[in-house]
């Protein structure tokens, strides 16, 4: 898992006048965004979050070294990440989405149909993005009825018959 960065949240703007920011957290418990130590931006900057609290569904936090609104405004859009190795180990049957990226995707008959590229959520739930063996990209809802088996040790994801039908329907006419 070395070199994998996990997106924990995104700064969406400043909060107040003293350098605090509003963060959209992608962690199960939004406040956990501050529990992994310093978070990194894509450009290598490290940020230590302070005075972390919830306001509605957003996290409000200070950032060590950011003391005014003007500087906080420059951070809008910055993605906050940690190394995969810094996250706690998962229980049996649990995994991080990042652990699935790159796994082969099979149908229930054992035929390879593609590779997991990532996850998207356009508002109606998690979608698994798959690069088909044809080169086309398509989405399948990441739900038990569509994706009944994930085996990280074996390096594979299995789609149900319904999941395969959705995948096949989605990539009809799709550009690679």
N, C-alpha and C. Protein backbone atom coordinates (compact mmCIF):
# COMPACT_ATOMS: atom_id res chain seq x y z
N UNK A 1 0.81 -1.19 0.00
CA UNK A 1 0.00 0.00 0.00
C UNK A 1 0.86 1.26 0.00
N UNK A 2 2.17 1.09 0.07
CA UNK A 2 3.04 2.26 0.13
C UNK A 2 2.77 3.18 -1.05
N UNK A 3 2.94 4.46 -0.83
CA UNK A 3 2.76 5.50 -1.83
C UNK A 3 1.31 5.81 -2.17
N UNK A 4 0.34 5.14 -1.56
CA UNK A 4 -1.06 5.47 -1.80
C UNK A 4 -1.47 6.58 -0.86
N UNK A 5 -2.07 7.61 -1.42
CA UNK A 5 -2.60 8.71 -0.63
C UNK A 5 -4.11 8.55 -0.55
N UNK A 6 -4.67 8.76 0.63
CA UNK A 6 -6.10 8.63 0.86
C UNK A 6 -6.66 10.03 1.09
N UNK A 7 -7.67 10.38 0.32
CA UNK A 7 -8.32 11.68 0.45
C UNK A 7 -9.24 11.66 1.66
N UNK A 8 -8.96 12.53 2.64
CA UNK A 8 -9.79 12.62 3.84
C UNK A 8 -10.79 13.76 3.77
N UNK A 9 -10.47 14.80 3.02
CA UNK A 9 -11.37 15.94 2.95
C UNK A 9 -10.86 17.01 2.01
N UNK A 10 -11.70 18.04 1.84
CA UNK A 10 -11.35 19.14 0.96
C UNK A 10 -11.73 20.45 1.64
N UNK A 11 -10.82 21.42 1.61
CA UNK A 11 -11.11 22.74 2.16
C UNK A 11 -12.03 23.45 1.17
N UNK A 12 -13.19 23.90 1.67
CA UNK A 12 -14.14 24.53 0.76
C UNK A 12 -14.20 26.04 0.92
N UNK A 13 -13.49 26.58 1.91
CA UNK A 13 -13.44 28.02 2.05
C UNK A 13 -13.06 28.45 3.45
N UNK A 14 -12.89 29.76 3.62
CA UNK A 14 -12.54 30.29 4.95
C UNK A 14 -13.76 30.33 5.86
N UNK A 15 -13.50 30.40 7.17
CA UNK A 15 -14.56 30.54 8.17
C UNK A 15 -14.11 31.62 9.15
N UNK A 16 -14.83 32.71 9.18
CA UNK A 16 -14.48 33.78 10.11
C UNK A 16 -13.26 34.57 9.66
N UNK A 17 -12.72 35.30 10.60
CA UNK A 17 -11.62 36.22 10.29
C UNK A 17 -10.25 35.77 10.80
N UNK A 18 -10.21 34.70 11.59
CA UNK A 18 -8.96 34.31 12.27
C UNK A 18 -8.24 33.14 11.62
N UNK A 19 -8.51 32.88 10.34
CA UNK A 19 -7.76 31.87 9.63
C UNK A 19 -8.35 30.47 9.66
N UNK A 20 -9.53 30.31 10.23
CA UNK A 20 -10.14 28.98 10.22
C UNK A 20 -10.71 28.69 8.84
N UNK A 21 -10.90 27.39 8.57
CA UNK A 21 -11.43 26.95 7.28
C UNK A 21 -12.60 26.01 7.48
N UNK A 22 -13.44 25.92 6.43
CA UNK A 22 -14.52 24.94 6.37
C UNK A 22 -14.01 23.77 5.53
N UNK A 23 -14.24 22.56 6.05
CA UNK A 23 -13.74 21.36 5.38
C UNK A 23 -14.89 20.40 5.14
N UNK A 24 -14.99 19.89 3.92
CA UNK A 24 -15.90 18.79 3.62
C UNK A 24 -15.11 17.52 3.90
N UNK A 25 -15.50 16.81 4.98
CA UNK A 25 -14.78 15.61 5.39
C UNK A 25 -15.37 14.39 4.72
N UNK A 26 -14.52 13.48 4.28
CA UNK A 26 -14.95 12.24 3.66
C UNK A 26 -14.76 11.04 4.59
N UNK A 27 -14.43 11.29 5.85
CA UNK A 27 -14.28 10.21 6.81
C UNK A 27 -15.65 9.84 7.37
N UNK A 28 -15.80 8.61 7.85
CA UNK A 28 -17.08 8.15 8.38
C UNK A 28 -17.57 9.08 9.47
N UNK A 29 -16.73 9.35 10.44
CA UNK A 29 -17.01 10.37 11.45
C UNK A 29 -16.25 11.61 10.98
N UNK A 30 -16.95 12.68 10.60
CA UNK A 30 -16.26 13.84 10.04
C UNK A 30 -15.12 14.38 10.89
N UNK A 31 -15.22 14.29 12.20
CA UNK A 31 -14.16 14.81 13.06
C UNK A 31 -12.89 13.97 13.03
N UNK A 32 -12.99 12.75 12.52
CA UNK A 32 -11.80 11.89 12.41
C UNK A 32 -10.76 12.45 11.46
N UNK A 33 -11.12 13.42 10.65
CA UNK A 33 -10.16 14.01 9.71
C UNK A 33 -8.92 14.52 10.44
N UNK A 34 -9.07 14.90 11.70
CA UNK A 34 -7.95 15.43 12.47
C UNK A 34 -7.24 14.38 13.31
N UNK A 35 -7.68 13.14 13.25
CA UNK A 35 -7.14 12.13 14.15
C UNK A 35 -5.92 11.38 13.60
N UNK A 36 -5.51 11.68 12.38
CA UNK A 36 -4.38 10.96 11.78
C UNK A 36 -3.09 11.75 11.79
N UNK A 37 -3.09 12.88 12.48
CA UNK A 37 -1.90 13.73 12.52
C UNK A 37 -1.94 14.70 11.36
N UNK A 38 -0.77 15.19 10.94
CA UNK A 38 -0.75 16.16 9.85
C UNK A 38 -1.35 15.58 8.57
N UNK A 39 -2.06 16.42 7.83
CA UNK A 39 -2.61 16.02 6.54
C UNK A 39 -1.82 16.74 5.46
N UNK A 40 -1.72 16.13 4.30
CA UNK A 40 -0.88 16.67 3.23
C UNK A 40 -1.71 17.16 2.06
N UNK A 41 -1.22 18.20 1.41
CA UNK A 41 -1.78 18.68 0.15
C UNK A 41 -0.98 18.04 -0.99
N UNK A 42 -1.52 18.07 -2.19
CA UNK A 42 -0.84 17.47 -3.34
C UNK A 42 0.52 18.10 -3.61
N UNK A 43 0.69 19.37 -3.22
CA UNK A 43 1.97 20.04 -3.48
C UNK A 43 3.01 19.78 -2.39
N UNK A 44 2.67 18.90 -1.43
CA UNK A 44 3.63 18.52 -0.39
C UNK A 44 3.51 19.27 0.91
N UNK A 45 2.72 20.36 0.95
CA UNK A 45 2.54 21.09 2.20
C UNK A 45 1.83 20.20 3.21
N UNK A 46 2.25 20.32 4.48
CA UNK A 46 1.60 19.59 5.57
C UNK A 46 0.82 20.57 6.42
N UNK A 47 -0.37 20.15 6.83
CA UNK A 47 -1.22 21.00 7.66
C UNK A 47 -1.60 20.25 8.93
N UNK A 48 -1.47 20.94 10.06
CA UNK A 48 -1.94 20.39 11.33
C UNK A 48 -3.22 21.11 11.68
N UNK A 49 -4.32 20.34 11.77
CA UNK A 49 -5.62 20.90 12.07
C UNK A 49 -5.77 21.11 13.57
N UNK A 50 -6.33 22.26 13.97
CA UNK A 50 -6.52 22.58 15.38
C UNK A 50 -7.97 23.02 15.61
N UNK A 51 -8.39 22.98 16.86
CA UNK A 51 -9.71 23.46 17.25
C UNK A 51 -10.81 22.92 16.32
N UNK A 52 -10.79 21.63 16.10
CA UNK A 52 -11.70 20.98 15.15
C UNK A 52 -13.07 20.78 15.78
N UNK A 53 -14.11 21.17 15.01
CA UNK A 53 -15.49 21.02 15.49
C UNK A 53 -16.42 20.92 14.29
N UNK A 54 -17.64 20.45 14.57
CA UNK A 54 -18.65 20.33 13.52
C UNK A 54 -19.56 21.55 13.50
N UNK A 55 -19.95 21.94 12.31
CA UNK A 55 -20.99 22.94 12.14
C UNK A 55 -21.86 22.42 10.99
N UNK A 56 -23.00 21.85 11.36
CA UNK A 56 -23.82 21.16 10.37
C UNK A 56 -23.08 19.93 9.89
N UNK A 57 -22.93 19.79 8.59
CA UNK A 57 -22.20 18.64 8.06
C UNK A 57 -20.77 19.00 7.65
N UNK A 58 -20.31 20.19 8.01
CA UNK A 58 -18.95 20.62 7.71
C UNK A 58 -18.08 20.63 8.96
N UNK A 59 -16.81 20.42 8.76
CA UNK A 59 -15.82 20.54 9.83
C UNK A 59 -15.26 21.95 9.77
N UNK A 60 -15.19 22.59 10.91
CA UNK A 60 -14.53 23.89 11.04
C UNK A 60 -13.23 23.63 11.78
N UNK A 61 -12.12 24.15 11.25
CA UNK A 61 -10.83 23.90 11.88
C UNK A 61 -9.87 25.05 11.64
N UNK A 62 -8.99 25.22 12.62
CA UNK A 62 -7.86 26.10 12.43
C UNK A 62 -6.75 25.29 11.79
N UNK A 63 -5.82 25.98 11.19
CA UNK A 63 -4.63 25.33 10.63
C UNK A 63 -3.43 26.04 11.21
N UNK A 64 -2.57 25.25 11.86
CA UNK A 64 -1.39 25.83 12.49
C UNK A 64 -0.61 26.66 11.46
N UNK A 65 -0.36 27.93 11.80
CA UNK A 65 0.38 28.82 10.92
C UNK A 65 -0.49 29.69 10.04
N UNK A 66 -1.81 29.44 10.04
CA UNK A 66 -2.73 30.27 9.26
C UNK A 66 -3.51 31.11 10.25
N UNK A 67 -3.29 32.42 10.24
CA UNK A 67 -3.85 33.27 11.28
C UNK A 67 -4.84 34.32 10.79
N UNK A 68 -5.09 34.36 9.46
CA UNK A 68 -6.06 35.36 9.00
C UNK A 68 -6.87 34.83 7.82
N UNK A 69 -7.97 35.49 7.56
CA UNK A 69 -8.90 35.07 6.52
C UNK A 69 -8.25 35.08 5.13
N UNK A 70 -7.42 36.06 4.87
CA UNK A 70 -6.80 36.18 3.55
C UNK A 70 -5.99 34.92 3.22
N UNK A 71 -5.20 34.47 4.16
CA UNK A 71 -4.41 33.25 3.93
C UNK A 71 -5.32 32.03 3.85
N UNK A 72 -6.36 31.97 4.68
CA UNK A 72 -7.30 30.86 4.65
C UNK A 72 -8.00 30.78 3.29
N UNK A 73 -8.31 31.93 2.69
CA UNK A 73 -8.96 31.96 1.38
C UNK A 73 -8.11 31.31 0.30
N UNK A 74 -6.79 31.40 0.43
CA UNK A 74 -5.90 30.81 -0.58
C UNK A 74 -5.91 29.29 -0.54
N UNK A 75 -6.48 28.71 0.53
CA UNK A 75 -6.48 27.25 0.68
C UNK A 75 -7.74 26.60 0.11
N UNK A 76 -8.68 27.41 -0.38
CA UNK A 76 -9.91 26.87 -0.94
C UNK A 76 -9.60 25.87 -2.05
N UNK A 77 -10.22 24.68 -1.95
CA UNK A 77 -10.01 23.63 -2.95
C UNK A 77 -8.89 22.67 -2.63
N UNK A 78 -8.08 22.96 -1.62
CA UNK A 78 -6.97 22.07 -1.27
C UNK A 78 -7.52 20.76 -0.72
N UNK A 79 -7.04 19.66 -1.28
CA UNK A 79 -7.43 18.33 -0.81
C UNK A 79 -6.47 17.90 0.29
N UNK A 80 -7.05 17.35 1.36
CA UNK A 80 -6.27 16.92 2.52
C UNK A 80 -6.16 15.41 2.52
N UNK A 81 -4.93 14.92 2.51
CA UNK A 81 -4.69 13.48 2.35
C UNK A 81 -3.72 12.96 3.40
N UNK A 82 -3.74 11.65 3.59
CA UNK A 82 -2.76 10.96 4.42
C UNK A 82 -2.28 9.74 3.66
N UNK A 83 -1.13 9.22 4.05
CA UNK A 83 -0.63 7.99 3.46
C UNK A 83 -1.51 6.82 3.90
N UNK A 84 -1.78 5.91 3.01
CA UNK A 84 -2.60 4.73 3.33
C UNK A 84 -2.02 3.99 4.53
N UNK A 85 -0.72 3.92 4.63
CA UNK A 85 -0.08 3.20 5.73
C UNK A 85 -0.31 3.85 7.09
N UNK A 86 -0.75 5.11 7.10
CA UNK A 86 -1.02 5.80 8.36
C UNK A 86 -2.42 5.53 8.90
N UNK A 87 -3.25 4.88 8.12
CA UNK A 87 -4.60 4.55 8.56
C UNK A 87 -4.60 3.26 9.36
N UNK A 88 -5.52 3.10 10.30
CA UNK A 88 -5.57 1.87 11.07
C UNK A 88 -5.95 0.67 10.20
N UNK A 89 -5.51 -0.49 10.62
CA UNK A 89 -5.88 -1.72 9.90
C UNK A 89 -7.38 -1.93 10.01
N UNK A 90 -7.95 -2.58 9.02
CA UNK A 90 -9.38 -2.85 9.02
C UNK A 90 -9.67 -4.23 9.59
N UNK A 91 -10.91 -4.41 10.03
CA UNK A 91 -11.36 -5.72 10.50
C UNK A 91 -11.60 -6.62 9.30
N UNK A 92 -11.73 -7.92 9.56
CA UNK A 92 -12.03 -8.87 8.49
C UNK A 92 -13.31 -8.45 7.78
N UNK A 93 -13.30 -8.49 6.47
CA UNK A 93 -14.46 -8.13 5.69
C UNK A 93 -14.62 -6.64 5.47
N UNK A 94 -13.74 -5.82 6.04
CA UNK A 94 -13.77 -4.38 5.83
C UNK A 94 -12.52 -3.98 5.07
N UNK A 95 -12.61 -2.85 4.38
CA UNK A 95 -11.49 -2.38 3.59
C UNK A 95 -11.70 -0.90 3.30
N UNK A 96 -10.65 -0.26 2.87
CA UNK A 96 -10.73 1.10 2.40
C UNK A 96 -10.95 1.06 0.89
N UNK A 97 -11.72 2.00 0.38
CA UNK A 97 -11.96 2.03 -1.06
C UNK A 97 -10.65 2.06 -1.83
N UNK A 98 -9.67 2.76 -1.31
CA UNK A 98 -8.38 2.87 -2.01
C UNK A 98 -7.72 1.51 -2.18
N UNK A 99 -8.03 0.55 -1.31
CA UNK A 99 -7.45 -0.78 -1.42
C UNK A 99 -8.02 -1.54 -2.61
N UNK A 100 -9.14 -1.09 -3.14
CA UNK A 100 -9.80 -1.79 -4.25
C UNK A 100 -9.34 -1.29 -5.61
N UNK A 101 -8.77 -0.09 -5.64
CA UNK A 101 -8.34 0.47 -6.91
C UNK A 101 -7.22 -0.38 -7.49
N UNK A 102 -7.40 -0.77 -8.75
CA UNK A 102 -6.43 -1.61 -9.43
C UNK A 102 -6.76 -3.09 -9.39
N UNK A 103 -7.76 -3.48 -8.58
CA UNK A 103 -8.13 -4.90 -8.54
C UNK A 103 -8.86 -5.29 -9.82
N UNK A 104 -8.67 -6.54 -10.21
CA UNK A 104 -9.37 -7.08 -11.37
C UNK A 104 -10.84 -7.29 -11.02
N UNK A 105 -11.71 -7.07 -12.00
CA UNK A 105 -13.15 -7.25 -11.82
C UNK A 105 -13.59 -8.41 -12.70
N UNK A 106 -14.33 -9.34 -12.08
CA UNK A 106 -14.78 -10.55 -12.76
C UNK A 106 -16.29 -10.67 -12.72
N UNK A 107 -16.84 -11.45 -13.66
CA UNK A 107 -18.24 -11.83 -13.54
C UNK A 107 -18.31 -13.09 -12.70
N UNK A 108 -19.50 -13.54 -12.37
CA UNK A 108 -19.64 -14.71 -11.50
C UNK A 108 -19.12 -15.99 -12.13
N UNK A 109 -18.98 -16.00 -13.46
CA UNK A 109 -18.44 -17.16 -14.15
C UNK A 109 -16.93 -17.21 -14.15
N UNK A 110 -16.28 -16.17 -13.62
CA UNK A 110 -14.83 -16.14 -13.55
C UNK A 110 -14.15 -15.44 -14.71
N UNK A 111 -14.93 -14.86 -15.60
CA UNK A 111 -14.33 -14.13 -16.72
C UNK A 111 -14.00 -12.70 -16.30
N UNK A 112 -12.79 -12.26 -16.65
CA UNK A 112 -12.39 -10.89 -16.31
C UNK A 112 -13.15 -9.93 -17.21
N UNK A 113 -13.74 -8.91 -16.57
CA UNK A 113 -14.49 -7.90 -17.33
C UNK A 113 -13.85 -6.52 -17.23
N UNK A 114 -12.85 -6.37 -16.37
CA UNK A 114 -12.21 -5.07 -16.26
C UNK A 114 -11.35 -4.91 -15.03
N UNK A 115 -11.09 -3.64 -14.69
CA UNK A 115 -10.25 -3.27 -13.55
C UNK A 115 -10.89 -2.10 -12.82
N UNK A 116 -10.85 -2.14 -11.50
CA UNK A 116 -11.42 -1.06 -10.68
C UNK A 116 -10.53 0.18 -10.80
N UNK A 117 -11.14 1.29 -11.21
CA UNK A 117 -10.41 2.55 -11.35
C UNK A 117 -10.59 3.47 -10.17
N UNK A 118 -11.77 3.40 -9.53
CA UNK A 118 -12.04 4.30 -8.42
C UNK A 118 -13.50 4.33 -8.08
N UNK A 119 -13.87 5.32 -7.28
CA UNK A 119 -15.25 5.47 -6.82
C UNK A 119 -15.72 6.88 -7.09
N UNK A 120 -16.99 7.01 -7.39
CA UNK A 120 -17.61 8.31 -7.59
C UNK A 120 -18.93 8.32 -6.82
N UNK A 121 -19.34 9.48 -6.43
CA UNK A 121 -20.65 9.63 -5.81
C UNK A 121 -21.24 10.92 -6.36
N UNK A 122 -22.24 10.77 -7.21
CA UNK A 122 -22.89 11.91 -7.83
C UNK A 122 -24.16 12.28 -7.10
N UNK A 123 -24.33 11.72 -5.89
CA UNK A 123 -25.48 12.07 -5.06
C UNK A 123 -26.44 10.93 -4.81
N UNK A 124 -26.34 9.85 -5.55
CA UNK A 124 -27.27 8.74 -5.38
C UNK A 124 -26.60 7.49 -4.82
N UNK A 125 -25.41 7.64 -4.24
CA UNK A 125 -24.70 6.51 -3.66
C UNK A 125 -23.38 6.26 -4.37
N UNK A 126 -22.59 5.40 -3.76
CA UNK A 126 -21.26 5.09 -4.30
C UNK A 126 -21.36 4.29 -5.59
N UNK A 127 -20.55 4.68 -6.56
CA UNK A 127 -20.45 3.97 -7.83
C UNK A 127 -19.01 3.50 -8.00
N UNK A 128 -18.84 2.26 -8.38
CA UNK A 128 -17.53 1.71 -8.70
C UNK A 128 -17.26 1.99 -10.17
N UNK A 129 -16.17 2.70 -10.45
CA UNK A 129 -15.79 2.97 -11.84
C UNK A 129 -14.88 1.85 -12.31
N UNK A 130 -15.22 1.28 -13.44
CA UNK A 130 -14.50 0.13 -13.97
C UNK A 130 -14.02 0.43 -15.38
N UNK A 131 -12.75 0.11 -15.64
CA UNK A 131 -12.25 0.16 -17.01
C UNK A 131 -12.44 -1.23 -17.58
N UNK A 132 -13.33 -1.33 -18.55
CA UNK A 132 -13.65 -2.62 -19.17
C UNK A 132 -12.45 -3.16 -19.94
N UNK A 133 -12.44 -4.44 -20.19
CA UNK A 133 -11.37 -5.04 -20.99
C UNK A 133 -11.41 -4.48 -22.42
N UNK A 134 -12.54 -3.92 -22.82
CA UNK A 134 -12.68 -3.29 -24.14
C UNK A 134 -12.05 -1.91 -24.17
N UNK A 135 -11.70 -1.37 -22.99
CA UNK A 135 -11.13 -0.04 -22.90
C UNK A 135 -12.14 1.01 -22.47
N UNK A 136 -13.44 0.70 -22.60
CA UNK A 136 -14.48 1.64 -22.19
C UNK A 136 -14.52 1.72 -20.66
N UNK A 137 -15.01 2.86 -20.16
CA UNK A 137 -15.19 3.04 -18.72
C UNK A 137 -16.68 3.03 -18.43
N UNK A 138 -17.04 2.40 -17.31
CA UNK A 138 -18.46 2.32 -16.94
C UNK A 138 -18.57 2.29 -15.43
N UNK A 139 -19.79 2.48 -14.92
CA UNK A 139 -20.06 2.53 -13.48
C UNK A 139 -21.05 1.45 -13.09
N UNK A 140 -20.85 0.92 -11.89
CA UNK A 140 -21.78 -0.03 -11.28
C UNK A 140 -22.02 0.44 -9.86
N UNK A 141 -23.29 0.49 -9.42
CA UNK A 141 -23.53 0.83 -8.02
C UNK A 141 -22.75 -0.10 -7.10
N UNK A 142 -22.06 0.47 -6.12
CA UNK A 142 -21.27 -0.34 -5.19
C UNK A 142 -22.17 -0.78 -4.04
N UNK A 143 -22.97 -1.80 -4.34
CA UNK A 143 -23.92 -2.35 -3.38
C UNK A 143 -23.83 -3.87 -3.44
N UNK A 144 -24.21 -4.53 -2.35
CA UNK A 144 -24.10 -5.98 -2.26
C UNK A 144 -24.80 -6.73 -3.37
N UNK A 145 -25.90 -6.20 -3.87
CA UNK A 145 -26.64 -6.88 -4.94
C UNK A 145 -25.90 -6.79 -6.27
N UNK A 146 -25.03 -5.83 -6.42
CA UNK A 146 -24.27 -5.65 -7.66
C UNK A 146 -22.84 -6.18 -7.54
N UNK A 147 -22.27 -6.00 -6.35
CA UNK A 147 -20.89 -6.40 -6.08
C UNK A 147 -20.90 -7.31 -4.85
N UNK A 148 -21.25 -8.60 -5.06
CA UNK A 148 -21.41 -9.49 -3.90
C UNK A 148 -20.11 -9.94 -3.25
N UNK A 149 -18.97 -9.80 -3.96
CA UNK A 149 -17.73 -10.33 -3.39
C UNK A 149 -16.56 -9.40 -3.69
N UNK A 150 -15.83 -9.09 -2.63
CA UNK A 150 -14.57 -8.36 -2.73
C UNK A 150 -13.54 -9.20 -2.00
N UNK A 151 -12.49 -9.59 -2.70
CA UNK A 151 -11.44 -10.41 -2.11
C UNK A 151 -10.09 -9.73 -2.36
N UNK A 152 -9.68 -8.93 -1.38
CA UNK A 152 -8.45 -8.17 -1.54
C UNK A 152 -7.25 -9.09 -1.64
N UNK A 153 -7.23 -10.14 -0.83
CA UNK A 153 -6.10 -11.09 -0.84
C UNK A 153 -5.93 -11.72 -2.22
N UNK A 154 -7.04 -12.08 -2.87
CA UNK A 154 -6.99 -12.68 -4.19
C UNK A 154 -6.88 -11.63 -5.29
N UNK A 155 -7.05 -10.36 -4.91
CA UNK A 155 -6.94 -9.27 -5.87
C UNK A 155 -8.09 -9.20 -6.84
N UNK A 156 -9.33 -9.49 -6.33
CA UNK A 156 -10.44 -9.46 -7.28
C UNK A 156 -11.75 -8.97 -6.66
N UNK A 157 -12.58 -8.45 -7.54
CA UNK A 157 -13.93 -8.01 -7.24
C UNK A 157 -14.84 -8.80 -8.16
N UNK A 158 -15.95 -9.30 -7.63
CA UNK A 158 -16.88 -10.09 -8.44
C UNK A 158 -18.20 -9.35 -8.56
N UNK A 159 -18.67 -9.23 -9.80
CA UNK A 159 -19.97 -8.62 -10.06
C UNK A 159 -21.04 -9.71 -10.16
N UNK A 160 -22.22 -9.41 -9.64
CA UNK A 160 -23.36 -10.32 -9.80
C UNK A 160 -23.84 -10.24 -11.26
N UNK A 161 -24.77 -11.09 -11.60
CA UNK A 161 -25.36 -11.05 -12.94
C UNK A 161 -26.00 -9.67 -13.18
N UNK A 162 -26.67 -9.15 -12.16
CA UNK A 162 -27.28 -7.82 -12.27
C UNK A 162 -26.21 -6.74 -12.42
N UNK A 163 -25.16 -6.83 -11.64
CA UNK A 163 -24.06 -5.87 -11.74
C UNK A 163 -23.42 -5.89 -13.11
N UNK A 164 -23.25 -7.08 -13.67
CA UNK A 164 -22.68 -7.21 -15.01
C UNK A 164 -23.61 -6.59 -16.05
N UNK A 165 -24.92 -6.80 -15.88
CA UNK A 165 -25.89 -6.21 -16.81
C UNK A 165 -25.83 -4.68 -16.76
N UNK A 166 -25.71 -4.12 -15.55
CA UNK A 166 -25.60 -2.66 -15.42
C UNK A 166 -24.31 -2.18 -16.07
N UNK A 167 -23.21 -2.88 -15.82
CA UNK A 167 -21.92 -2.52 -16.40
C UNK A 167 -22.00 -2.54 -17.92
N UNK A 168 -22.56 -3.59 -18.46
CA UNK A 168 -22.65 -3.75 -19.90
C UNK A 168 -23.55 -2.68 -20.51
N UNK A 169 -24.67 -2.39 -19.85
CA UNK A 169 -25.58 -1.36 -20.34
C UNK A 169 -24.93 0.01 -20.28
N UNK A 170 -24.17 0.28 -19.23
CA UNK A 170 -23.55 1.59 -19.04
C UNK A 170 -22.48 1.87 -20.08
N UNK A 171 -21.78 0.83 -20.51
CA UNK A 171 -20.66 1.12 -21.43
C UNK A 171 -21.07 0.96 -22.89
N UNK A 172 -22.32 0.73 -23.19
CA UNK A 172 -22.76 0.69 -24.58
C UNK A 172 -22.57 2.06 -25.21
N UNK A 173 -21.72 2.13 -26.19
CA UNK A 173 -21.49 3.39 -26.87
C UNK A 173 -20.57 4.34 -26.14
N UNK A 174 -20.04 3.93 -24.98
CA UNK A 174 -19.15 4.83 -24.22
C UNK A 174 -17.80 4.93 -24.92
N UNK A 175 -17.19 6.07 -24.84
CA UNK A 175 -15.87 6.26 -25.44
C UNK A 175 -14.80 5.77 -24.46
N UNK A 176 -13.72 5.18 -24.97
CA UNK A 176 -12.64 4.72 -24.08
C UNK A 176 -11.95 5.86 -23.40
